[in-house]
Amino acid sequence: MANDIEKIEKTEAEWRASLSAEQYRVLRQHGTEPAFTGAYYANKDPGRYRCAACGAALFGSGEKFDSGTGWPSFFAPLDESAVETETDRSHGMARTEVHCARCGSHLGHVFPDGPKPTGLRYCINSVSLEFEPEG
């Protein structure tokens, strides 16, 4: 993925029209789906995970692992430029929020308690993703 990603910008009305109510709540309003309820937390099929808002390729099944948290977890994105991060100080704590670099949609958070080789755990909402099976 190139570092000069073409950004997608829409009005909130356009996002609301193109996403389900739950996708809008998570992707645009920085919500979180309940643990162990998302479509992909236990998915073990080979493939890619794309942004549900814009289709950008974000994560691969080769980087996915079972964190036991109830959300899809990855130790790295497909490409470092696929995601952006910023500090989230909501809920009385400081966390690192993960966004799609292409459309700015909220995906989840990244924590420093993942496996090798990165030591990171990208904890991502299933509703923020669309799975593209390999082949």
Protein backbone atom coordinates (compact mmCIF):
# COMPACT_ATOMS: atom_id res chain seq x y z
CA MET A 1 0.00 0.00 0.00
CA ALA A 2 1.38 3.36 -0.91
CA ASN A 3 2.00 6.06 1.67
CA ASP A 4 -0.05 8.49 -0.43
CA ILE A 5 -3.40 6.84 0.26
CA GLU A 6 -6.32 8.48 -1.51
CA LYS A 7 -8.55 9.70 1.32
CA ILE A 8 -12.29 9.15 1.21
CA GLU A 9 -14.39 11.92 2.68
CA LYS A 10 -18.17 11.89 3.07
CA THR A 11 -20.64 13.92 5.04
CA GLU A 12 -22.12 12.32 8.13
CA ALA A 13 -25.41 12.00 6.21
CA GLU A 14 -23.60 10.08 3.44
CA TRP A 15 -21.91 7.78 5.99
CA ARG A 16 -25.23 7.19 7.74
CA ALA A 17 -26.85 6.27 4.41
CA SER A 18 -24.08 3.86 3.41
CA LEU A 19 -23.63 2.00 6.72
CA SER A 20 -25.93 -0.05 8.93
CA ALA A 21 -26.95 1.57 12.23
CA GLU A 22 -24.44 -0.58 14.15
CA GLN A 23 -21.64 0.11 11.66
CA TYR A 24 -22.33 3.83 11.90
CA ARG A 25 -22.30 3.69 15.72
CA VAL A 26 -18.91 1.94 15.78
CA LEU A 27 -17.15 3.29 12.69
CA ARG A 28 -18.26 6.92 12.85
CA GLN A 29 -19.22 7.44 16.51
CA HIS A 30 -16.30 5.45 18.00
CA GLY A 31 -18.49 2.79 19.58
CA THR A 32 -17.57 -0.76 20.59
CA GLU A 33 -19.48 -3.95 19.94
CA PRO A 34 -19.96 -6.33 22.89
CA ALA A 35 -17.23 -8.95 23.34
CA PHE A 36 -17.80 -12.38 21.78
CA THR A 37 -20.68 -11.14 19.61
CA GLY A 38 -18.93 -10.09 16.40
CA ALA A 39 -18.81 -12.16 13.23
CA TYR A 40 -15.02 -12.48 13.08
CA TYR A 41 -13.59 -12.90 16.59
CA ALA A 42 -13.39 -16.71 16.13
CA ASN A 43 -12.88 -16.76 12.34
CA LYS A 44 -9.88 -18.88 11.35
CA ASP A 45 -10.40 -18.89 7.56
CA PRO A 46 -7.56 -17.57 5.39
CA GLY A 47 -8.16 -14.19 3.79
CA ARG A 48 -8.11 -10.43 4.25
CA TYR A 49 -10.06 -8.11 6.46
CA ARG A 50 -11.18 -4.88 4.80
CA CYS A 51 -12.64 -1.68 6.21
CA ALA A 52 -16.43 -2.03 6.25
CA ALA A 53 -16.79 1.67 5.42
CA CYS A 54 -14.47 2.02 2.42
CA GLY A 55 -13.11 -1.41 1.48
CA ALA A 56 -9.44 -0.68 2.21
CA ALA A 57 -7.38 -3.81 2.96
CA LEU A 58 -6.38 -3.60 6.63
CA PHE A 59 -5.44 -6.95 8.18
CA GLY A 60 -4.60 -10.47 7.04
CA SER A 61 -5.51 -13.81 8.54
CA GLY A 62 -1.80 -14.60 8.93
CA GLU A 63 -1.52 -11.82 11.53
CA LYS A 64 -4.70 -12.79 13.40
CA PHE A 65 -4.50 -14.57 16.74
CA ASP A 66 -6.85 -15.66 19.52
CA SER A 67 -6.40 -13.10 22.28
CA GLY A 68 -9.25 -14.48 24.38
CA THR A 69 -10.78 -11.00 24.54
CA GLY A 70 -13.80 -11.62 22.30
CA TRP A 71 -12.74 -9.30 19.48
CA PRO A 72 -10.70 -10.07 16.36
CA SER A 73 -7.06 -9.48 17.30
CA PHE A 74 -4.07 -8.98 15.02
CA PHE A 75 -0.38 -8.45 15.82
CA ALA A 76 0.11 -6.16 12.77
CA PRO A 77 -1.82 -4.57 9.90
CA LEU A 78 -1.21 -5.71 6.31
CA ASP A 79 0.79 -2.52 5.82
CA GLU A 80 1.73 0.07 8.44
CA SER A 81 0.20 2.79 6.26
CA ALA A 82 -3.23 1.05 6.24
CA VAL A 83 -4.08 2.30 9.74
CA GLU A 84 -3.53 5.45 11.75
CA THR A 85 -3.59 5.87 15.51
CA GLU A 86 -4.34 8.59 18.02
CA THR A 87 -4.68 8.83 21.78
CA ASP A 88 -8.20 8.16 23.07
CA ARG A 89 -8.79 9.64 26.53
CA SER A 90 -12.45 8.63 26.86
CA HIS A 91 -13.78 6.51 29.72
CA GLY A 92 -11.20 7.88 32.17
CA MET A 93 -8.20 6.15 30.59
CA ALA A 94 -5.63 6.69 27.86
CA ARG A 95 -5.70 4.16 25.01
CA THR A 96 -4.44 4.14 21.45
CA GLU A 97 -7.35 4.27 19.01
CA VAL A 98 -6.98 2.70 15.55
CA HIS A 99 -8.52 4.28 12.45
CA CYS A 100 -8.66 3.32 8.78
CA ALA A 101 -6.06 5.52 7.07
CA ARG A 102 -8.24 5.82 3.96
CA CYS A 103 -11.57 6.96 5.44
CA GLY A 104 -10.79 7.76 9.08
CA SER A 105 -13.31 5.25 10.44
CA HIS A 106 -12.85 3.95 14.00
CA LEU A 107 -11.74 0.31 14.01
CA GLY A 108 -10.79 -0.39 17.62
CA HIS A 109 -7.68 0.03 19.78
CA VAL A 110 -4.11 -1.25 19.86
CA PHE A 111 -2.46 -2.48 23.06
CA PRO A 112 1.16 -3.42 23.89
CA ASP A 113 0.28 -6.93 25.13
CA GLY A 114 0.30 -8.93 21.89
CA PRO A 115 2.47 -11.81 20.71
CA LYS A 116 5.79 -11.74 18.92
CA PRO A 117 7.04 -10.48 16.57
CA THR A 118 5.46 -7.05 17.29
CA GLY A 119 4.18 -7.37 20.85
CA LEU A 120 1.05 -5.51 19.72
CA ARG A 121 -2.63 -6.48 19.89
CA TYR A 122 -4.86 -4.65 17.44
CA CYS A 123 -8.25 -5.26 19.06
CA ILE A 124 -10.72 -4.58 16.25
CA ASN A 125 -14.53 -4.55 16.14
CA SER A 126 -15.93 -7.16 13.75
CA VAL A 127 -18.55 -4.68 12.57
CA SER A 128 -15.69 -2.44 11.37
CA LEU A 129 -14.49 -5.19 9.05
CA GLU A 130 -15.55 -7.16 5.99
CA PHE A 131 -13.85 -10.51 5.45
CA GLU A 132 -12.58 -11.43 1.98
CA PRO A 133 -11.80 -15.17 1.82
CA GLU A 134 -8.54 -16.19 0.16
CA GLY A 135 -8.86 -17.22 -3.47
